[in-house]
Amino acid sequence: MRSIDHAELLVKPGSIVNLADLNPGATHGFKHKDDTCEKLGADIKRLSELQELFYASGQRALLIILQGTDSAGKDGAIKHVMTGVNPQGVEVHGFKVPSTTELSHDYLWRTTNVLPERGRIGIFNRSYYAEVVVVRIHHSVLENERLPKGSDANPALWKERYEDINAFERHMSRNGTLILKFFLHLSKDEQRKRLLERVETPDKQWKLSSGDIHERTFWDSYQRAYAESLSNTSTPWAPWYIIPADHKWFARVAIASVIVAELEALKLSYPVVSDERRAKLTGIRKELEEADPVQAIPA
């Protein structure tokens, strides 16, 4: 079964990302969707097993962050990669325009409120990274955040936000959260095709808004903002993986492969049963074995 070299997807801490140098149509040796079926199926099955172990150990939480432009495939990745997991142990949160209440707090507040508990998986479909991408491009959003006077003109604002995000993620990591961040790298031409498909497909038309088209006019600005955020916030404790996203089938198998490998690397184990607990289990077994047979229900 073909494997994926995760090192080729990883943004090495301290490296400078230039998205123009990376091929969004790369498939890393897989020729077509059928080539990925065996590996994706195996990883989905393994992820299901690891989720049970993850929950039982109760030591760690898993936070998966998905970022990318409109139609990059974030929703589809969640749907397909998480096919086999127990939905009771997973929570998905999408973050769009902040509410009035959210704007009354610091920009990390709304995401902090929904971080996953130990033993559970949290998925952020977009996240606080909008604060160093979208907010950087649309200054009016920054004005709505009601920062102290002069903050929006501070030339070091974005550098400070990178520092704050890195410190926040280090704090989470130190307290047991495994953080995996995926940037779905989509080409402008492939985005155009997907948006046109939404126009022409009745059951996808609801996904398209005029805002999606308007944001395409800022394409180059978004690419620069994403590249800078990836360069400044990929750390040993919260790494970024750049996933070529022009082929949805490759993006999904790549994300699943990384998640499985990172969970396995934790080397978690089921809780060890104490002698006292084992004695109780022996008593329970004896009680069940000696119990009266179930009485038949009268006709």
C-alpha atoms as a PDB file:
ATOM      1  CA  MET A   1       0.000   0.000   0.000  1.00  0.00           C
ATOM      2  CA  ARG A   2       1.426   3.374  -1.043  1.00  0.00           C
ATOM      3  CA  SER A   3       2.345   5.761   1.765  1.00  0.00           C
ATOM      4  CA  ILE A   4       2.656   9.546   1.998  1.00  0.00           C
ATOM      5  CA  ASP A   5       5.814  11.320   3.091  1.00  0.00           C
ATOM      6  CA  HIS A   6       4.442  13.724   5.682  1.00  0.00           C
ATOM      7  CA  ALA A   7       7.727  15.637   5.781  1.00  0.00           C
ATOM      8  CA  GLU A   8       6.961  16.902   2.277  1.00  0.00           C
ATOM      9  CA  LEU A   9       3.719  18.439   3.546  1.00  0.00           C
ATOM     10  CA  LEU A  10       5.102  19.840   6.803  1.00  0.00           C
ATOM     11  CA  VAL A  11       6.002  23.503   7.180  1.00  0.00           C
ATOM     12  CA  LYS A  12       9.279  23.261   9.046  1.00  0.00           C
ATOM     13  CA  PRO A  13       9.427  25.722  11.953  1.00  0.00           C
ATOM     14  CA  GLY A  14      11.367  28.810  10.948  1.00  0.00           C
ATOM     15  CA  SER A  15      11.023  28.195   7.213  1.00  0.00           C
ATOM     16  CA  ILE A  16       9.671  30.793   4.790  1.00  0.00           C
ATOM     17  CA  VAL A  17       6.606  29.717   2.821  1.00  0.00           C
ATOM     18  CA  ASN A  18       6.015  30.852  -0.747  1.00  0.00           C
ATOM     19  CA  LEU A  19       2.755  29.308  -1.901  1.00  0.00           C
ATOM     20  CA  ALA A  20       3.603  30.107  -5.528  1.00  0.00           C
ATOM     21  CA  ASP A  21       6.426  27.571  -5.281  1.00  0.00           C
ATOM     22  CA  LEU A  22       4.089  24.778  -4.158  1.00  0.00           C
ATOM     23  CA  ASN A  23       1.948  22.817  -6.600  1.00  0.00           C
ATOM     24  CA  PRO A  24      -1.710  22.693  -5.454  1.00  0.00           C
ATOM     25  CA  GLY A  25      -2.296  19.899  -7.966  1.00  0.00           C
ATOM     26  CA  ALA A  26       0.393  17.591  -6.548  1.00  0.00           C
ATOM     27  CA  THR A  27      -0.663  14.048  -5.654  1.00  0.00           C
ATOM     28  CA  HIS A  28       2.644  12.685  -4.293  1.00  0.00           C
ATOM     29  CA  GLY A  29       2.741   9.572  -6.450  1.00  0.00           C
ATOM     30  CA  PHE A  30      -0.983   8.762  -6.468  1.00  0.00           C
ATOM     31  CA  LYS A  31      -2.277   8.799 -10.046  1.00  0.00           C
ATOM     32  CA  HIS A  32      -6.020   8.973  -9.470  1.00  0.00           C
ATOM     33  CA  LYS A  33      -8.741   8.571  -6.865  1.00  0.00           C
ATOM     34  CA  ASP A  34      -8.813   4.761  -7.091  1.00  0.00           C
ATOM     35  CA  ASP A  35      -5.159   4.672  -6.005  1.00  0.00           C
ATOM     36  CA  THR A  36      -6.078   6.228  -2.672  1.00  0.00           C
ATOM     37  CA  CYS A  37      -9.059   4.013  -1.799  1.00  0.00           C
ATOM     38  CA  GLU A  38      -7.070   1.305  -0.008  1.00  0.00           C
ATOM     39  CA  LYS A  39      -5.009   3.711   2.082  1.00  0.00           C
ATOM     40  CA  LEU A  40      -7.895   6.031   2.917  1.00  0.00           C
ATOM     41  CA  GLY A  41     -10.051   3.059   3.903  1.00  0.00           C
ATOM     42  CA  ALA A  42      -7.295   1.649   6.109  1.00  0.00           C
ATOM     43  CA  ASP A  43      -6.639   5.014   7.759  1.00  0.00           C
ATOM     44  CA  ILE A  44     -10.337   5.629   8.424  1.00  0.00           C
ATOM     45  CA  LYS A  45     -10.577   2.211  10.080  1.00  0.00           C
ATOM     46  CA  ARG A  46      -7.428   2.855  12.101  1.00  0.00           C
ATOM     47  CA  LEU A  47      -8.671   6.300  13.124  1.00  0.00           C
ATOM     48  CA  SER A  48     -11.808   4.687  14.529  1.00  0.00           C
ATOM     49  CA  GLU A  49      -9.675   2.337  16.637  1.00  0.00           C
ATOM     50  CA  LEU A  50      -7.411   5.153  17.785  1.00  0.00           C
ATOM     51  CA  GLN A  51     -10.384   7.314  18.754  1.00  0.00           C
ATOM     52  CA  GLU A  52     -11.589   4.637  21.172  1.00  0.00           C
ATOM     53  CA  LEU A  53      -8.112   4.365  22.682  1.00  0.00           C
ATOM     54  CA  PHE A  54      -7.825   8.160  22.768  1.00  0.00           C
ATOM     55  CA  TYR A  55     -11.086   8.458  24.689  1.00  0.00           C
ATOM     56  CA  ALA A  56     -10.313   5.593  27.061  1.00  0.00           C
ATOM     57  CA  SER A  57      -6.893   6.955  28.018  1.00  0.00           C
ATOM     58  CA  GLY A  58      -8.396  10.362  28.807  1.00  0.00           C
ATOM     59  CA  GLN A  59      -4.954  11.993  28.786  1.00  0.00           C
ATOM     60  CA  ARG A  60      -5.007  14.112  25.665  1.00  0.00           C
ATOM     61  CA  ALA A  61      -7.314  16.227  23.515  1.00  0.00           C
ATOM     62  CA  LEU A  62      -6.995  16.572  19.742  1.00  0.00           C
ATOM     63  CA  LEU A  63      -7.577  19.868  17.947  1.00  0.00           C
ATOM     64  CA  ILE A  64      -7.660  19.802  14.148  1.00  0.00           C
ATOM     65  CA  ILE A  65      -7.619  23.170  12.383  1.00  0.00           C
ATOM     66  CA  LEU A  66      -8.594  23.464   8.723  1.00  0.00           C
ATOM     67  CA  GLN A  67      -7.858  26.667   6.835  1.00  0.00           C
ATOM     68  CA  GLY A  68      -8.129  27.550   3.168  1.00  0.00           C
ATOM     69  CA  THR A  69      -9.901  29.736   0.667  1.00  0.00           C
ATOM     70  CA  ASP A  70     -13.578  29.345  -0.219  1.00  0.00           C
ATOM     71  CA  SER A  71     -14.297  25.943  -1.833  1.00  0.00           C
ATOM     72  CA  ALA A  72     -10.893  24.535  -0.831  1.00  0.00           C
ATOM     73  CA  GLY A  73     -12.628  21.380   0.433  1.00  0.00           C
ATOM     74  CA  LYS A  74     -12.684  21.841   4.195  1.00  0.00           C
ATOM     75  CA  ASP A  75     -16.255  20.547   4.635  1.00  0.00           C
ATOM     76  CA  GLY A  76     -15.626  17.546   2.396  1.00  0.00           C
ATOM     77  CA  ALA A  77     -12.420  16.673   4.229  1.00  0.00           C
ATOM     78  CA  ILE A  78     -14.259  16.627   7.550  1.00  0.00           C
ATOM     79  CA  LYS A  79     -17.069  14.503   6.121  1.00  0.00           C
ATOM     80  CA  HIS A  80     -14.839  11.893   4.493  1.00  0.00           C
ATOM     81  CA  VAL A  81     -11.928  11.649   6.936  1.00  0.00           C
ATOM     82  CA  MET A  82     -14.214  11.415   9.965  1.00  0.00           C
ATOM     83  CA  THR A  83     -16.540   8.843   8.388  1.00  0.00           C
ATOM     84  CA  GLY A  84     -15.650   6.069  10.816  1.00  0.00           C
ATOM     85  CA  VAL A  85     -15.332   7.927  14.096  1.00  0.00           C
ATOM     86  CA  ASN A  86     -17.910   7.932  16.862  1.00  0.00           C
ATOM     87  CA  PRO A  87     -19.758  11.264  16.520  1.00  0.00           C
ATOM     88  CA  GLN A  88     -20.199  11.395  20.300  1.00  0.00           C
ATOM     89  CA  GLY A  89     -16.470  12.036  20.630  1.00  0.00           C
ATOM     90  CA  VAL A  90     -16.138  14.743  17.983  1.00  0.00           C
ATOM     91  CA  GLU A  91     -17.259  18.360  17.843  1.00  0.00           C
ATOM     92  CA  VAL A  92     -16.998  20.509  14.719  1.00  0.00           C
ATOM     93  CA  HIS A  93     -17.053  24.291  14.981  1.00  0.00           C
ATOM     94  CA  GLY A  94     -17.181  26.773  12.114  1.00  0.00           C
ATOM     95  CA  PHE A  95     -16.212  30.392  12.672  1.00  0.00           C
ATOM     96  CA  LYS A  96     -17.610  33.127  10.470  1.00  0.00           C
ATOM     97  CA  VAL A  97     -18.333  36.797  11.176  1.00  0.00           C
ATOM     98  CA  PRO A  98     -17.950  37.459  14.935  1.00  0.00           C
ATOM     99  CA  SER A  99     -21.090  38.311  16.890  1.00  0.00           C
ATOM    100  CA  THR A 100     -21.463  41.470  18.976  1.00  0.00           C
ATOM    101  CA  THR A 101     -20.722  39.451  22.116  1.00  0.00           C
ATOM    102  CA  GLU A 102     -17.622  37.901  20.564  1.00  0.00           C
ATOM    103  CA  LEU A 103     -16.360  41.326  19.491  1.00  0.00           C
ATOM    104  CA  SER A 104     -16.630  42.435  23.120  1.00  0.00           C
ATOM    105  CA  HIS A 105     -13.872  39.951  24.018  1.00  0.00           C
ATOM    106  CA  ASP A 106     -10.348  39.313  22.779  1.00  0.00           C
ATOM    107  CA  TYR A 107     -10.163  37.524  19.446  1.00  0.00           C
ATOM    108  CA  LEU A 108      -9.200  34.161  20.986  1.00  0.00           C
ATOM    109  CA  TRP A 109     -12.195  34.104  23.319  1.00  0.00           C
ATOM    110  CA  ARG A 110     -14.753  32.484  21.030  1.00  0.00           C
ATOM    111  CA  THR A 111     -12.440  29.633  20.070  1.00  0.00           C
ATOM    112  CA  THR A 112     -11.146  29.100  23.607  1.00  0.00           C
ATOM    113  CA  ASN A 113     -14.715  28.492  24.757  1.00  0.00           C
ATOM    114  CA  VAL A 114     -15.068  25.421  22.539  1.00  0.00           C
ATOM    115  CA  LEU A 115     -11.675  23.750  22.839  1.00  0.00           C
ATOM    116  CA  PRO A 116     -11.965  19.950  23.074  1.00  0.00           C
ATOM    117  CA  GLU A 117     -11.879  18.138  26.400  1.00  0.00           C
ATOM    118  CA  ARG A 118      -9.363  15.408  27.117  1.00  0.00           C
ATOM    119  CA  GLY A 119     -10.367  12.279  25.281  1.00  0.00           C
ATOM    120  CA  ARG A 120     -12.261  14.195  22.614  1.00  0.00           C
ATOM    121  CA  ILE A 121     -11.590  15.518  19.117  1.00  0.00           C
ATOM    122  CA  GLY A 122     -12.334  19.117  18.186  1.00  0.00           C
ATOM    123  CA  ILE A 123     -12.349  20.327  14.581  1.00  0.00           C
ATOM    124  CA  PHE A 124     -12.177  24.010  13.698  1.00  0.00           C
ATOM    125  CA  ASN A 125     -13.467  24.773  10.210  1.00  0.00           C
ATOM    126  CA  ARG A 126     -11.594  28.081  10.032  1.00  0.00           C
ATOM    127  CA  SER A 127     -10.354  29.480  13.302  1.00  0.00           C
ATOM    128  CA  TYR A 128      -8.514  32.288  15.049  1.00  0.00           C
ATOM    129  CA  TYR A 129      -6.184  32.308  12.042  1.00  0.00           C
ATOM    130  CA  ALA A 130      -8.745  34.537  10.339  1.00  0.00           C
ATOM    131  CA  GLU A 131      -7.353  37.193  12.678  1.00  0.00           C
ATOM    132  CA  VAL A 132      -4.041  37.250  10.807  1.00  0.00           C
ATOM    133  CA  VAL A 133      -5.501  36.684   7.341  1.00  0.00           C
ATOM    134  CA  VAL A 134      -9.022  38.044   6.764  1.00  0.00           C
ATOM    135  CA  VAL A 135      -8.667  40.823   9.329  1.00  0.00           C
ATOM    136  CA  ARG A 136      -5.371  41.844   7.789  1.00  0.00           C
ATOM    137  CA  ILE A 137      -6.973  42.227   4.376  1.00  0.00           C
ATOM    138  CA  HIS A 138     -10.196  43.879   5.515  1.00  0.00           C
ATOM    139  CA  HIS A 139      -9.243  46.692   7.869  1.00  0.00           C
ATOM    140  CA  SER A 140     -12.878  47.445   8.689  1.00  0.00           C
ATOM    141  CA  VAL A 141     -13.055  44.126  10.541  1.00  0.00           C
ATOM    142  CA  LEU A 142     -10.166  45.202  12.739  1.00  0.00           C
ATOM    143  CA  GLU A 143     -11.924  48.478  13.509  1.00  0.00           C
ATOM    144  CA  ASN A 144     -14.990  46.548  14.718  1.00  0.00           C
ATOM    145  CA  GLU A 145     -12.862  44.735  17.297  1.00  0.00           C
ATOM    146  CA  ARG A 146     -12.695  47.908  19.386  1.00  0.00           C
ATOM    147  CA  LEU A 147      -9.051  47.572  20.308  1.00  0.00           C
ATOM    148  CA  PRO A 148      -7.319  50.210  22.448  1.00  0.00           C
ATOM    149  CA  LYS A 149      -6.809  53.449  20.575  1.00  0.00           C
ATOM    150  CA  GLY A 150      -3.936  53.285  18.124  1.00  0.00           C
ATOM    151  CA  SER A 151      -3.707  49.481  18.101  1.00  0.00           C
ATOM    152  CA  ASP A 152      -4.969  49.213  14.525  1.00  0.00           C
ATOM    153  CA  ALA A 153      -2.120  51.459  13.373  1.00  0.00           C
ATOM    154  CA  ASN A 154       0.552  49.543  15.257  1.00  0.00           C
ATOM    155  CA  PRO A 155       3.066  48.243  12.656  1.00  0.00           C
ATOM    156  CA  ALA A 156       3.945  45.367  14.991  1.00  0.00           C
ATOM    157  CA  LEU A 157       0.311  44.241  15.393  1.00  0.00           C
ATOM    158  CA  TRP A 158       0.567  41.163  13.177  1.00  0.00           C
ATOM    159  CA  LYS A 159       3.914  40.097  14.624  1.00  0.00           C
ATOM    160  CA  GLU A 160       2.365  40.370  18.084  1.00  0.00           C
ATOM    161  CA  ARG A 161      -0.624  38.287  17.027  1.00  0.00           C
ATOM    162  CA  TYR A 162       1.675  35.574  15.693  1.00  0.00           C
ATOM    163  CA  GLU A 163       3.458  35.590  19.054  1.00  0.00           C
ATOM    164  CA  ASP A 164       0.155  35.418  20.952  1.00  0.00           C
ATOM    165  CA  ILE A 165      -1.143  32.544  18.830  1.00  0.00           C
ATOM    166  CA  ASN A 166       2.102  30.606  19.242  1.00  0.00           C
ATOM    167  CA  ALA A 167       2.014  31.136  23.006  1.00  0.00           C
ATOM    168  CA  PHE A 168      -1.652  30.128  23.157  1.00  0.00           C
ATOM    169  CA  GLU A 169      -0.959  26.928  21.233  1.00  0.00           C
ATOM    170  CA  ARG A 170       2.102  26.166  23.338  1.00  0.00           C
ATOM    171  CA  HIS A 171      -0.076  26.500  26.430  1.00  0.00           C
ATOM    172  CA  MET A 172      -2.622  24.059  24.969  1.00  0.00           C
ATOM    173  CA  SER A 173       0.106  21.626  23.966  1.00  0.00           C
ATOM    174  CA  ARG A 174       1.726  21.722  27.396  1.00  0.00           C
ATOM    175  CA  ASN A 175      -1.643  20.910  28.927  1.00  0.00           C
ATOM    176  CA  GLY A 176      -2.321  17.869  26.789  1.00  0.00           C
ATOM    177  CA  THR A 177      -3.813  19.062  23.501  1.00  0.00           C
ATOM    178  CA  LEU A 178      -2.376  17.663  20.265  1.00  0.00           C
ATOM    179  CA  ILE A 179      -2.743  20.398  17.645  1.00  0.00           C
ATOM    180  CA  LEU A 180      -2.704  19.569  13.936  1.00  0.00           C
ATOM    181  CA  LYS A 181      -3.160  22.386  11.432  1.00  0.00           C
ATOM    182  CA  PHE A 182      -3.943  21.856   7.747  1.00  0.00           C
ATOM    183  CA  PHE A 183      -3.865  24.531   5.069  1.00  0.00           C
ATOM    184  CA  LEU A 184      -5.727  23.362   1.970  1.00  0.00           C
ATOM    185  CA  HIS A 185      -3.726  24.857  -0.886  1.00  0.00           C
ATOM    186  CA  LEU A 186      -6.094  25.460  -3.804  1.00  0.00           C
ATOM    187  CA  SER A 187      -5.259  27.066  -7.148  1.00  0.00           C
ATOM    188  CA  LYS A 188      -7.226  30.060  -8.364  1.00  0.00           C
ATOM    189  CA  ASP A 189      -8.257  28.208 -11.524  1.00  0.00           C
ATOM    190  CA  GLU A 190      -9.552  25.198  -9.580  1.00  0.00           C
ATOM    191  CA  GLN A 191     -11.502  27.504  -7.290  1.00  0.00           C
ATOM    192  CA  ARG A 192     -13.126  29.092 -10.338  1.00  0.00           C
ATOM    193  CA  LYS A 193     -14.164  25.639 -11.587  1.00  0.00           C
ATOM    194  CA  ARG A 194     -15.659  24.706  -8.226  1.00  0.00           C
ATOM    195  CA  LEU A 195     -17.568  27.966  -7.925  1.00  0.00           C
ATOM    196  CA  LEU A 196     -18.953  27.501 -11.440  1.00  0.00           C
ATOM    197  CA  GLU A 197     -20.001  23.983 -10.469  1.00  0.00           C
ATOM    198  CA  ARG A 198     -21.966  25.446  -7.579  1.00  0.00           C
ATOM    199  CA  VAL A 199     -23.730  27.804  -9.971  1.00  0.00           C
ATOM    200  CA  GLU A 200     -24.685  24.959 -12.295  1.00  0.00           C
ATOM    201  CA  THR A 201     -25.601  22.313  -9.704  1.00  0.00           C
ATOM    202  CA  PRO A 202     -29.009  22.853  -8.026  1.00  0.00           C
ATOM    203  CA  ASP A 203     -28.112  21.091  -4.780  1.00  0.00           C
ATOM    204  CA  LYS A 204     -24.926  23.165  -4.459  1.00  0.00           C
ATOM    205  CA  GLN A 205     -26.294  26.591  -5.344  1.00  0.00           C
ATOM    206  CA  TRP A 206     -27.067  27.349  -1.704  1.00  0.00           C
ATOM    207  CA  LYS A 207     -23.343  27.242  -0.938  1.00  0.00           C
ATOM    208  CA  LEU A 208     -22.506  30.139  -3.235  1.00  0.00           C
ATOM    209  CA  SER A 209     -22.764  33.802  -2.281  1.00  0.00           C
ATOM    210  CA  SER A 210     -21.761  37.037  -3.936  1.00  0.00           C
ATOM    211  CA  GLY A 211     -19.225  37.415  -1.139  1.00  0.00           C
ATOM    212  CA  ASP A 212     -17.358  34.356  -2.409  1.00  0.00           C
ATOM    213  CA  ILE A 213     -16.900  36.028  -5.781  1.00  0.00           C
ATOM    214  CA  HIS A 214     -15.922  39.352  -4.221  1.00  0.00           C
ATOM    215  CA  GLU A 215     -13.205  37.718  -2.132  1.00  0.00           C
ATOM    216  CA  ARG A 216     -11.572  36.350  -5.308  1.00  0.00           C
ATOM    217  CA  THR A 217     -10.538  39.916  -6.137  1.00  0.00           C
ATOM    218  CA  PHE A 218      -8.227  39.756  -3.099  1.00  0.00           C
ATOM    219  CA  TRP A 219      -6.644  36.460  -4.174  1.00  0.00           C
ATOM    220  CA  ASP A 220      -3.030  37.675  -4.214  1.00  0.00           C
ATOM    221  CA  SER A 221      -3.442  39.413  -0.862  1.00  0.00           C
ATOM    222  CA  TYR A 222      -4.847  36.235   0.665  1.00  0.00           C
ATOM    223  CA  GLN A 223      -1.965  34.172  -0.692  1.00  0.00           C
ATOM    224  CA  ARG A 224       0.558  36.553   0.881  1.00  0.00           C
ATOM    225  CA  ALA A 225      -1.293  36.681   4.201  1.00  0.00           C
ATOM    226  CA  TYR A 226      -1.628  32.902   4.378  1.00  0.00           C
ATOM    227  CA  ALA A 227       2.016  32.382   3.465  1.00  0.00           C
ATOM    228  CA  GLU A 228       3.180  34.769   6.168  1.00  0.00           C
ATOM    229  CA  SER A 229       0.940  33.210   8.816  1.00  0.00           C
ATOM    230  CA  LEU A 230       2.143  29.716   7.881  1.00  0.00           C
ATOM    231  CA  SER A 231       5.760  30.869   8.077  1.00  0.00           C
ATOM    232  CA  ASN A 232       5.305  32.482  11.486  1.00  0.00           C
ATOM    233  CA  THR A 233       3.050  29.978  13.265  1.00  0.00           C
ATOM    234  CA  SER A 234       4.292  26.528  12.305  1.00  0.00           C
ATOM    235  CA  THR A 235       5.947  25.322  15.500  1.00  0.00           C
ATOM    236  CA  PRO A 236       7.131  22.007  16.939  1.00  0.00           C
ATOM    237  CA  TRP A 237       4.095  21.982  19.246  1.00  0.00           C
ATOM    238  CA  ALA A 238       1.537  23.052  16.606  1.00  0.00           C
ATOM    239  CA  PRO A 239       2.794  22.302  13.085  1.00  0.00           C
ATOM    240  CA  TRP A 240       1.202  23.350   9.822  1.00  0.00           C
ATOM    241  CA  TYR A 241       0.768  20.907   6.951  1.00  0.00           C
ATOM    242  CA  ILE A 242       0.206  22.353   3.486  1.00  0.00           C
ATOM    243  CA  ILE A 243      -2.161  19.996   1.671  1.00  0.00           C
ATOM    244  CA  PRO A 244      -2.381  20.218  -2.130  1.00  0.00           C
ATOM    245  CA  ALA A 245      -6.146  20.622  -2.610  1.00  0.00           C
ATOM    246  CA  ASP A 246      -6.824  20.726  -6.355  1.00  0.00           C
ATOM    247  CA  HIS A 247      -7.666  17.018  -6.129  1.00  0.00           C
ATOM    248  CA  LYS A 248     -10.112  16.487  -3.283  1.00  0.00           C
ATOM    249  CA  TRP A 249      -9.344  12.783  -3.121  1.00  0.00           C
ATOM    250  CA  PHE A 250      -5.670  13.435  -2.451  1.00  0.00           C
ATOM    251  CA  ALA A 251      -6.355  16.121   0.152  1.00  0.00           C
ATOM    252  CA  ARG A 252      -8.548  13.705   2.099  1.00  0.00           C
ATOM    253  CA  VAL A 253      -6.104  10.817   2.093  1.00  0.00           C
ATOM    254  CA  ALA A 254      -3.228  13.131   3.039  1.00  0.00           C
ATOM    255  CA  ILE A 255      -5.087  14.620   6.010  1.00  0.00           C
ATOM    256  CA  ALA A 256      -6.205  11.198   7.250  1.00  0.00           C
ATOM    257  CA  SER A 257      -2.667   9.859   6.952  1.00  0.00           C
ATOM    258  CA  VAL A 258      -1.183  12.671   9.047  1.00  0.00           C
ATOM    259  CA  ILE A 259      -3.849  12.401  11.760  1.00  0.00           C
ATOM    260  CA  VAL A 260      -3.381   8.644  12.119  1.00  0.00           C
ATOM    261  CA  ALA A 261       0.409   8.921  12.238  1.00  0.00           C
ATOM    262  CA  GLU A 262       0.331  11.676  14.869  1.00  0.00           C
ATOM    263  CA  LEU A 263      -2.134   9.789  17.073  1.00  0.00           C
ATOM    264  CA  GLU A 264      -0.060   6.612  16.837  1.00  0.00           C
ATOM    265  CA  ALA A 265       3.042   8.587  17.786  1.00  0.00           C
ATOM    266  CA  LEU A 266       1.434   9.406  21.142  1.00  0.00           C
ATOM    267  CA  LYS A 267       1.741   5.700  22.057  1.00  0.00           C
ATOM    268  CA  LEU A 268      -1.359   5.827  24.227  1.00  0.00           C
ATOM    269  CA  SER A 269      -2.608   2.771  26.062  1.00  0.00           C
ATOM    270  CA  TYR A 270      -5.778   1.680  27.770  1.00  0.00           C
ATOM    271  CA  PRO A 271      -5.920   2.395  31.520  1.00  0.00           C
ATOM    272  CA  VAL A 272      -4.282  -0.283  33.649  1.00  0.00           C
ATOM    273  CA  VAL A 273      -6.797  -2.057  35.864  1.00  0.00           C
ATOM    274  CA  SER A 274      -5.763  -1.998  39.537  1.00  0.00           C
ATOM    275  CA  ASP A 275      -5.702  -5.132  41.698  1.00  0.00           C
ATOM    276  CA  GLU A 276      -8.707  -3.814  43.594  1.00  0.00           C
ATOM    277  CA  ARG A 277     -10.652  -3.261  40.395  1.00  0.00           C
ATOM    278  CA  ARG A 278      -9.613  -6.666  39.053  1.00  0.00           C
ATOM    279  CA  ALA A 279     -10.911  -8.316  42.251  1.00  0.00           C
ATOM    280  CA  LYS A 280     -14.239  -6.526  41.802  1.00  0.00           C
ATOM    281  CA  LEU A 281     -14.453  -7.714  38.202  1.00  0.00           C
ATOM    282  CA  THR A 282     -13.805 -11.277  39.359  1.00  0.00           C
ATOM    283  CA  GLY A 283     -16.679 -10.929  41.813  1.00  0.00           C
ATOM    284  CA  ILE A 284     -18.954  -9.533  39.109  1.00  0.00           C
ATOM    285  CA  ARG A 285     -18.102 -12.398  36.800  1.00  0.00           C
ATOM    286  CA  LYS A 286     -18.838 -14.951  39.528  1.00  0.00           C
ATOM    287  CA  GLU A 287     -22.141 -13.273  40.291  1.00  0.00           C
ATOM    288  CA  LEU A 288     -23.159 -13.336  36.647  1.00  0.00           C
ATOM    289  CA  GLU A 289     -22.108 -16.946  36.188  1.00  0.00           C
ATOM    290  CA  GLU A 290     -24.095 -18.047  39.247  1.00  0.00           C
ATOM    291  CA  ALA A 291     -27.149 -15.959  38.470  1.00  0.00           C
ATOM    292  CA  ASP A 292     -30.489 -17.713  37.964  1.00  0.00           C
ATOM    293  CA  PRO A 293     -31.278 -18.322  34.299  1.00  0.00           C
ATOM    294  CA  VAL A 294     -33.598 -15.828  32.725  1.00  0.00           C
ATOM    295  CA  GLN A 295     -37.212 -16.907  33.193  1.00  0.00           C
ATOM    296  CA  ALA A 296     -39.243 -17.384  30.064  1.00  0.00           C
ATOM    297  CA  ILE A 297     -42.100 -14.920  29.605  1.00  0.00           C
ATOM    298  CA  PRO A 298     -45.467 -16.752  29.870  1.00  0.00           C
ATOM    299  CA  ALA A 299     -47.373 -17.023  26.619  1.00  0.00           C
END
